[in-house]
Amino acid sequence: MATETKPVLHGYFRSSCSWRVRIAFALKGIEYDQVAVNLIKDGGQQLTEQYKTLNPMQQVPAVEIDGITLSQSLAVIQYIDETRPGPRLLPADPKARAQVRMISDLIASGIQPLQNLAVLQKIGAEKLLWAQHFINRGFQALEPILKQTAGKYCVGNEISMADICLAPQVYNAERFKVDVGQYPTIKRLNETLVEIEAFKLSHPSHQPDTPTDLQA
């Protein structure tokens, strides 16, 4: 019987999109290999022609799994949820599943891209104010949604893809000195999530490519 090849995650320790995939793998108990793609070193290793063959958008992550390469974190999470055993990352109930996707998309499309590295490099000196503005704008929309959907976690009382998206975004907010205390539901949910083992193991401070001075 052939040995199943482990998935390979090409990512960056501080990339929230890479972190989402790491959390999902950890929650599912999936072993995987990591290949570091440093977004700063050598002008950005994601910009090489070699990496472009894996991810034509020249972003992280890229995941090699089951003979295919996937290059969007939410697509990866949904694929492993559909093909691997373990706790569900999307609820069975259609309404709850739609809420999870709504929250995930709000973060992954409406907040995170506006404060990622490629955008901030174009903004220049105003990058901190830019990041704070768009994170606050997104959190002002997310907070009332979560007030309606949340139980212990973002949607009800089971961890889902929405939680996988939330924790890295709060980490980014704190990096950019956003006062998360303004958003009590977001703050409460994140405080719960960061104590979960899968979120701890996948944290940017614990990755093979984490710089020594940032390791926890």
C-alpha atoms as a PDB file:
ATOM      1  CA  MET A   1       0.000   0.000   0.000  1.00  0.00           C
ATOM      2  CA  ALA A   2       1.434   3.381  -1.013  1.00  0.00           C
ATOM      3  CA  THR A   3       2.267   5.825   1.744  1.00  0.00           C
ATOM      4  CA  GLU A   4       0.172   8.969   1.565  1.00  0.00           C
ATOM      5  CA  THR A   5       2.314  12.001   0.793  1.00  0.00           C
ATOM      6  CA  LYS A   6       2.099  14.717   3.405  1.00  0.00           C
ATOM      7  CA  PRO A   7       0.757  18.084   2.258  1.00  0.00           C
ATOM      8  CA  VAL A   8       3.365  20.801   1.772  1.00  0.00           C
ATOM      9  CA  LEU A   9       2.620  24.323   2.950  1.00  0.00           C
ATOM     10  CA  HIS A  10       4.647  27.091   1.325  1.00  0.00           C
ATOM     11  CA  GLY A  11       4.161  30.025   3.668  1.00  0.00           C
ATOM     12  CA  TYR A  12       5.569  32.765   5.847  1.00  0.00           C
ATOM     13  CA  PHE A  13       5.530  32.723   9.634  1.00  0.00           C
ATOM     14  CA  ARG A  14       3.674  36.041  10.008  1.00  0.00           C
ATOM     15  CA  SER A  15       1.321  35.715   7.039  1.00  0.00           C
ATOM     16  CA  SER A  16      -2.227  35.539   8.362  1.00  0.00           C
ATOM     17  CA  CYS A  17      -3.272  33.515   5.301  1.00  0.00           C
ATOM     18  CA  SER A  18      -0.542  30.949   6.007  1.00  0.00           C
ATOM     19  CA  TRP A  19      -1.522  30.924   9.671  1.00  0.00           C
ATOM     20  CA  ARG A  20      -5.132  30.107   8.779  1.00  0.00           C
ATOM     21  CA  VAL A  21      -3.976  26.987   6.972  1.00  0.00           C
ATOM     22  CA  ARG A  22      -1.693  25.991   9.863  1.00  0.00           C
ATOM     23  CA  ILE A  23      -4.618  26.299  12.297  1.00  0.00           C
ATOM     24  CA  ALA A  24      -6.839  24.178  10.056  1.00  0.00           C
ATOM     25  CA  PHE A  25      -4.181  21.474   9.723  1.00  0.00           C
ATOM     26  CA  ALA A  26      -3.678  21.495  13.507  1.00  0.00           C
ATOM     27  CA  LEU A  27      -7.403  21.259  14.256  1.00  0.00           C
ATOM     28  CA  LYS A  28      -7.717  18.339  11.847  1.00  0.00           C
ATOM     29  CA  GLY A  29      -4.568  16.639  13.173  1.00  0.00           C
ATOM     30  CA  ILE A  30      -2.977  16.659   9.705  1.00  0.00           C
ATOM     31  CA  GLU A  31       0.783  16.274   9.476  1.00  0.00           C
ATOM     32  CA  TYR A  32       2.394  18.474   6.854  1.00  0.00           C
ATOM     33  CA  ASP A  33       5.738  19.841   5.732  1.00  0.00           C
ATOM     34  CA  GLN A  34       6.567  23.528   5.622  1.00  0.00           C
ATOM     35  CA  VAL A  35       8.652  25.410   3.067  1.00  0.00           C
ATOM     36  CA  ALA A  36       9.493  28.959   4.108  1.00  0.00           C
ATOM     37  CA  VAL A  37       8.814  31.735   1.597  1.00  0.00           C
ATOM     38  CA  ASN A  38      10.305  34.899   3.082  1.00  0.00           C
ATOM     39  CA  LEU A  39       8.240  37.875   1.930  1.00  0.00           C
ATOM     40  CA  ILE A  40      11.059  40.352   2.692  1.00  0.00           C
ATOM     41  CA  LYS A  41      14.379  38.572   2.105  1.00  0.00           C
ATOM     42  CA  ASP A  42      15.987  38.848  -1.349  1.00  0.00           C
ATOM     43  CA  GLY A  43      13.361  41.386  -2.377  1.00  0.00           C
ATOM     44  CA  GLY A  44      10.606  38.893  -1.603  1.00  0.00           C
ATOM     45  CA  GLN A  45      10.994  35.193  -2.315  1.00  0.00           C
ATOM     46  CA  GLN A  46       7.335  35.032  -3.411  1.00  0.00           C
ATOM     47  CA  LEU A  47       8.311  37.076  -6.483  1.00  0.00           C
ATOM     48  CA  THR A  48      10.643  34.475  -7.990  1.00  0.00           C
ATOM     49  CA  GLU A  49       9.723  32.734 -11.216  1.00  0.00           C
ATOM     50  CA  GLN A  50      10.050  29.395  -9.414  1.00  0.00           C
ATOM     51  CA  TYR A  51       7.450  30.317  -6.810  1.00  0.00           C
ATOM     52  CA  LYS A  52       5.192  31.880  -9.439  1.00  0.00           C
ATOM     53  CA  THR A  53       4.648  28.392 -10.874  1.00  0.00           C
ATOM     54  CA  LEU A  54       3.094  27.391  -7.519  1.00  0.00           C
ATOM     55  CA  ASN A  55       1.086  30.560  -6.952  1.00  0.00           C
ATOM     56  CA  PRO A  56       0.649  32.817  -9.989  1.00  0.00           C
ATOM     57  CA  MET A  57      -0.502  35.654  -7.673  1.00  0.00           C
ATOM     58  CA  GLN A  58       2.925  35.448  -5.988  1.00  0.00           C
ATOM     59  CA  GLN A  59       1.391  35.392  -2.537  1.00  0.00           C
ATOM     60  CA  VAL A  60       1.444  32.902   0.329  1.00  0.00           C
ATOM     61  CA  PRO A  61       0.281  30.314   0.990  1.00  0.00           C
ATOM     62  CA  ALA A  62       0.560  27.698  -1.690  1.00  0.00           C
ATOM     63  CA  VAL A  63      -0.372  24.183  -0.608  1.00  0.00           C
ATOM     64  CA  GLU A  64       0.553  21.018  -2.470  1.00  0.00           C
ATOM     65  CA  ILE A  65      -1.975  18.363  -1.512  1.00  0.00           C
ATOM     66  CA  ASP A  66      -3.375  15.235  -3.169  1.00  0.00           C
ATOM     67  CA  GLY A  67      -1.612  15.974  -6.444  1.00  0.00           C
ATOM     68  CA  ILE A  68      -2.962  19.515  -6.804  1.00  0.00           C
ATOM     69  CA  THR A  69      -1.750  22.953  -5.739  1.00  0.00           C
ATOM     70  CA  LEU A  70      -4.155  25.341  -4.012  1.00  0.00           C
ATOM     71  CA  SER A  71      -3.286  28.971  -3.464  1.00  0.00           C
ATOM     72  CA  GLN A  72      -6.119  30.595  -1.480  1.00  0.00           C
ATOM     73  CA  SER A  73      -6.384  29.899   2.224  1.00  0.00           C
ATOM     74  CA  LEU A  74     -10.178  29.561   2.349  1.00  0.00           C
ATOM     75  CA  ALA A  75     -10.121  27.140  -0.582  1.00  0.00           C
ATOM     76  CA  VAL A  76      -7.486  25.056   1.234  1.00  0.00           C
ATOM     77  CA  ILE A  77      -9.493  25.033   4.469  1.00  0.00           C
ATOM     78  CA  GLN A  78     -12.685  23.993   2.716  1.00  0.00           C
ATOM     79  CA  TYR A  79     -10.866  21.316   0.711  1.00  0.00           C
ATOM     80  CA  ILE A  80      -9.327  19.657   3.755  1.00  0.00           C
ATOM     81  CA  ASP A  81     -12.666  19.894   5.557  1.00  0.00           C
ATOM     82  CA  GLU A  82     -14.296  18.000   2.692  1.00  0.00           C
ATOM     83  CA  THR A  83     -11.550  15.389   2.322  1.00  0.00           C
ATOM     84  CA  ARG A  84     -10.194  14.749   5.818  1.00  0.00           C
ATOM     85  CA  PRO A  85     -11.725  13.372   9.017  1.00  0.00           C
ATOM     86  CA  GLY A  86     -11.735  15.289  12.254  1.00  0.00           C
ATOM     87  CA  PRO A  87     -13.786  18.164  13.613  1.00  0.00           C
ATOM     88  CA  ARG A  88     -15.916  20.029  11.083  1.00  0.00           C
ATOM     89  CA  LEU A  89     -14.551  23.427  10.052  1.00  0.00           C
ATOM     90  CA  LEU A  90     -17.868  24.390   8.467  1.00  0.00           C
ATOM     91  CA  PRO A  91     -21.171  23.586  10.190  1.00  0.00           C
ATOM     92  CA  ALA A  92     -23.615  21.066   8.768  1.00  0.00           C
ATOM     93  CA  ASP A  93     -26.526  23.488   9.123  1.00  0.00           C
ATOM     94  CA  PRO A  94     -26.842  25.611   5.938  1.00  0.00           C
ATOM     95  CA  LYS A  95     -27.647  28.845   7.797  1.00  0.00           C
ATOM     96  CA  ALA A  96     -24.731  28.489  10.206  1.00  0.00           C
ATOM     97  CA  ARG A  97     -22.461  27.486   7.312  1.00  0.00           C
ATOM     98  CA  ALA A  98     -23.477  30.625   5.417  1.00  0.00           C
ATOM     99  CA  GLN A  99     -22.711  32.732   8.498  1.00  0.00           C
ATOM    100  CA  VAL A 100     -19.267  31.136   8.803  1.00  0.00           C
ATOM    101  CA  ARG A 101     -18.547  31.878   5.149  1.00  0.00           C
ATOM    102  CA  MET A 102     -19.831  35.456   5.508  1.00  0.00           C
ATOM    103  CA  ILE A 103     -17.552  36.175   8.468  1.00  0.00           C
ATOM    104  CA  SER A 104     -14.599  34.438   6.834  1.00  0.00           C
ATOM    105  CA  ASP A 105     -15.063  36.406   3.611  1.00  0.00           C
ATOM    106  CA  LEU A 106     -15.477  39.676   5.476  1.00  0.00           C
ATOM    107  CA  ILE A 107     -12.068  39.146   7.070  1.00  0.00           C
ATOM    108  CA  ALA A 108     -10.280  37.473   4.163  1.00  0.00           C
ATOM    109  CA  SER A 109     -11.603  39.837   1.480  1.00  0.00           C
ATOM    110  CA  GLY A 110     -12.702  42.977   3.313  1.00  0.00           C
ATOM    111  CA  ILE A 111      -9.991  43.539   5.940  1.00  0.00           C
ATOM    112  CA  GLN A 112      -6.809  41.517   5.514  1.00  0.00           C
ATOM    113  CA  PRO A 113      -5.872  42.373   1.888  1.00  0.00           C
ATOM    114  CA  LEU A 114      -5.913  46.116   2.669  1.00  0.00           C
ATOM    115  CA  GLN A 115      -3.178  45.746   5.288  1.00  0.00           C
ATOM    116  CA  ASN A 116      -1.007  43.074   3.775  1.00  0.00           C
ATOM    117  CA  LEU A 117       2.648  43.654   2.995  1.00  0.00           C
ATOM    118  CA  ALA A 118       2.313  44.339  -0.729  1.00  0.00           C
ATOM    119  CA  VAL A 119      -0.260  47.080  -0.106  1.00  0.00           C
ATOM    120  CA  LEU A 120       1.608  48.694   2.796  1.00  0.00           C
ATOM    121  CA  GLN A 121       4.818  48.837   0.761  1.00  0.00           C
ATOM    122  CA  LYS A 122       2.951  51.020  -1.755  1.00  0.00           C
ATOM    123  CA  ILE A 123       1.484  53.289   0.930  1.00  0.00           C
ATOM    124  CA  GLY A 124       4.844  54.275   2.419  1.00  0.00           C
ATOM    125  CA  ALA A 125       5.013  56.615   5.412  1.00  0.00           C
ATOM    126  CA  GLU A 126       1.276  56.530   6.107  1.00  0.00           C
ATOM    127  CA  LYS A 127       1.123  52.735   6.318  1.00  0.00           C
ATOM    128  CA  LEU A 128       0.350  52.557  10.054  1.00  0.00           C
ATOM    129  CA  LEU A 129      -2.598  54.972   9.803  1.00  0.00           C
ATOM    130  CA  TRP A 130      -3.792  53.199   6.647  1.00  0.00           C
ATOM    131  CA  ALA A 131      -3.734  49.790   8.340  1.00  0.00           C
ATOM    132  CA  GLN A 132      -5.459  51.104  11.461  1.00  0.00           C
ATOM    133  CA  HIS A 133      -8.190  52.765   9.373  1.00  0.00           C
ATOM    134  CA  PHE A 134      -9.105  49.663   7.407  1.00  0.00           C
ATOM    135  CA  ILE A 135      -8.855  47.272  10.351  1.00  0.00           C
ATOM    136  CA  ASN A 136     -11.112  49.532  12.425  1.00  0.00           C
ATOM    137  CA  ARG A 137     -13.501  49.898   9.492  1.00  0.00           C
ATOM    138  CA  GLY A 138     -13.694  46.107   9.169  1.00  0.00           C
ATOM    139  CA  PHE A 139     -14.027  45.493  12.902  1.00  0.00           C
ATOM    140  CA  GLN A 140     -16.827  48.061  13.125  1.00  0.00           C
ATOM    141  CA  ALA A 141     -18.760  45.870  10.678  1.00  0.00           C
ATOM    142  CA  LEU A 142     -17.664  42.565  12.188  1.00  0.00           C
ATOM    143  CA  GLU A 143     -18.497  43.353  15.818  1.00  0.00           C
ATOM    144  CA  PRO A 144     -22.315  43.641  15.396  1.00  0.00           C
ATOM    145  CA  ILE A 145     -22.365  40.559  13.160  1.00  0.00           C
ATOM    146  CA  LEU A 146     -20.545  38.512  15.795  1.00  0.00           C
ATOM    147  CA  LYS A 147     -22.870  39.794  18.511  1.00  0.00           C
ATOM    148  CA  GLN A 148     -25.660  38.078  16.567  1.00  0.00           C
ATOM    149  CA  THR A 149     -23.861  34.842  15.638  1.00  0.00           C
ATOM    150  CA  ALA A 150     -21.446  34.102  18.469  1.00  0.00           C
ATOM    151  CA  GLY A 151     -21.702  31.577  21.239  1.00  0.00           C
ATOM    152  CA  LYS A 152     -18.422  30.400  22.675  1.00  0.00           C
ATOM    153  CA  TYR A 153     -16.987  30.814  19.179  1.00  0.00           C
ATOM    154  CA  CYS A 154     -17.758  33.018  16.167  1.00  0.00           C
ATOM    155  CA  VAL A 155     -20.814  31.014  15.108  1.00  0.00           C
ATOM    156  CA  GLY A 156     -22.390  29.099  17.956  1.00  0.00           C
ATOM    157  CA  ASN A 157     -20.367  26.786  20.152  1.00  0.00           C
ATOM    158  CA  GLU A 158     -18.158  24.946  17.662  1.00  0.00           C
ATOM    159  CA  ILE A 159     -14.873  26.154  16.199  1.00  0.00           C
ATOM    160  CA  SER A 160     -15.180  26.946  12.516  1.00  0.00           C
ATOM    161  CA  MET A 161     -13.404  28.565   9.594  1.00  0.00           C
ATOM    162  CA  ALA A 162     -14.634  31.912  10.936  1.00  0.00           C
ATOM    163  CA  ASP A 163     -12.538  31.458  14.086  1.00  0.00           C
ATOM    164  CA  ILE A 164      -9.591  30.353  11.960  1.00  0.00           C
ATOM    165  CA  CYS A 165      -9.836  33.718  10.176  1.00  0.00           C
ATOM    166  CA  LEU A 166     -10.505  35.814  13.275  1.00  0.00           C
ATOM    167  CA  ALA A 167      -7.462  35.005  15.418  1.00  0.00           C
ATOM    168  CA  PRO A 168      -4.822  35.962  12.808  1.00  0.00           C
ATOM    169  CA  GLN A 169      -6.709  39.178  12.042  1.00  0.00           C
ATOM    170  CA  VAL A 170      -6.761  40.180  15.712  1.00  0.00           C
ATOM    171  CA  TYR A 171      -3.029  39.428  15.875  1.00  0.00           C
ATOM    172  CA  ASN A 172      -2.560  41.819  12.937  1.00  0.00           C
ATOM    173  CA  ALA A 173      -4.739  44.436  14.612  1.00  0.00           C
ATOM    174  CA  GLU A 174      -2.558  44.289  17.710  1.00  0.00           C
ATOM    175  CA  ARG A 175       0.613  44.532  15.582  1.00  0.00           C
ATOM    176  CA  PHE A 176      -0.764  47.739  14.073  1.00  0.00           C
ATOM    177  CA  LYS A 177      -1.720  49.102  17.512  1.00  0.00           C
ATOM    178  CA  VAL A 178      -5.481  48.946  17.047  1.00  0.00           C
ATOM    179  CA  ASP A 179      -7.372  49.102  20.347  1.00  0.00           C
ATOM    180  CA  VAL A 180      -9.197  45.768  20.215  1.00  0.00           C
ATOM    181  CA  GLY A 181     -10.920  46.674  23.503  1.00  0.00           C
ATOM    182  CA  GLN A 182     -13.312  48.798  21.438  1.00  0.00           C
ATOM    183  CA  TYR A 183     -14.751  45.534  20.105  1.00  0.00           C
ATOM    184  CA  PRO A 184     -15.768  43.447  23.134  1.00  0.00           C
ATOM    185  CA  THR A 185     -17.166  40.479  21.213  1.00  0.00           C
ATOM    186  CA  ILE A 186     -14.075  40.221  18.992  1.00  0.00           C
ATOM    187  CA  LYS A 187     -11.849  40.563  22.066  1.00  0.00           C
ATOM    188  CA  ARG A 188     -13.740  37.885  24.020  1.00  0.00           C
ATOM    189  CA  LEU A 189     -13.697  35.401  21.167  1.00  0.00           C
ATOM    190  CA  ASN A 190     -10.006  35.926  20.512  1.00  0.00           C
ATOM    191  CA  GLU A 191      -9.122  35.450  24.186  1.00  0.00           C
ATOM    192  CA  THR A 192     -10.816  32.049  24.008  1.00  0.00           C
ATOM    193  CA  LEU A 193      -9.162  31.063  20.725  1.00  0.00           C
ATOM    194  CA  VAL A 194      -5.576  31.895  21.692  1.00  0.00           C
ATOM    195  CA  GLU A 195      -5.775  29.400  24.574  1.00  0.00           C
ATOM    196  CA  ILE A 196      -6.611  26.486  22.239  1.00  0.00           C
ATOM    197  CA  GLU A 197      -3.674  24.188  21.479  1.00  0.00           C
ATOM    198  CA  ALA A 198      -4.114  24.265  17.689  1.00  0.00           C
ATOM    199  CA  PHE A 199      -3.961  28.052  17.714  1.00  0.00           C
ATOM    200  CA  LYS A 200      -0.905  28.048  20.003  1.00  0.00           C
ATOM    201  CA  LEU A 201       1.030  25.517  17.894  1.00  0.00           C
ATOM    202  CA  SER A 202       0.337  27.400  14.686  1.00  0.00           C
ATOM    203  CA  HIS A 203       1.132  30.849  16.121  1.00  0.00           C
ATOM    204  CA  PRO A 204       3.690  32.963  14.206  1.00  0.00           C
ATOM    205  CA  SER A 205       6.077  32.849  17.161  1.00  0.00           C
ATOM    206  CA  HIS A 206       6.403  29.043  16.906  1.00  0.00           C
ATOM    207  CA  GLN A 207       7.240  28.417  13.245  1.00  0.00           C
ATOM    208  CA  PRO A 208      10.438  27.018  11.709  1.00  0.00           C
ATOM    209  CA  ASP A 209      11.072  30.316   9.891  1.00  0.00           C
ATOM    210  CA  THR A 210      10.286  32.591  12.868  1.00  0.00           C
ATOM    211  CA  PRO A 211      13.249  34.921  13.500  1.00  0.00           C
ATOM    212  CA  THR A 212      14.996  34.135  16.779  1.00  0.00           C
ATOM    213  CA  ASP A 213      14.099  37.493  18.342  1.00  0.00           C
ATOM    214  CA  LEU A 214      10.370  36.856  17.780  1.00  0.00           C
ATOM    215  CA  GLN A 215      10.216  33.309  19.105  1.00  0.00           C
ATOM    216  CA  ALA A 216       8.097  32.789  22.203  1.00  0.00           C
END
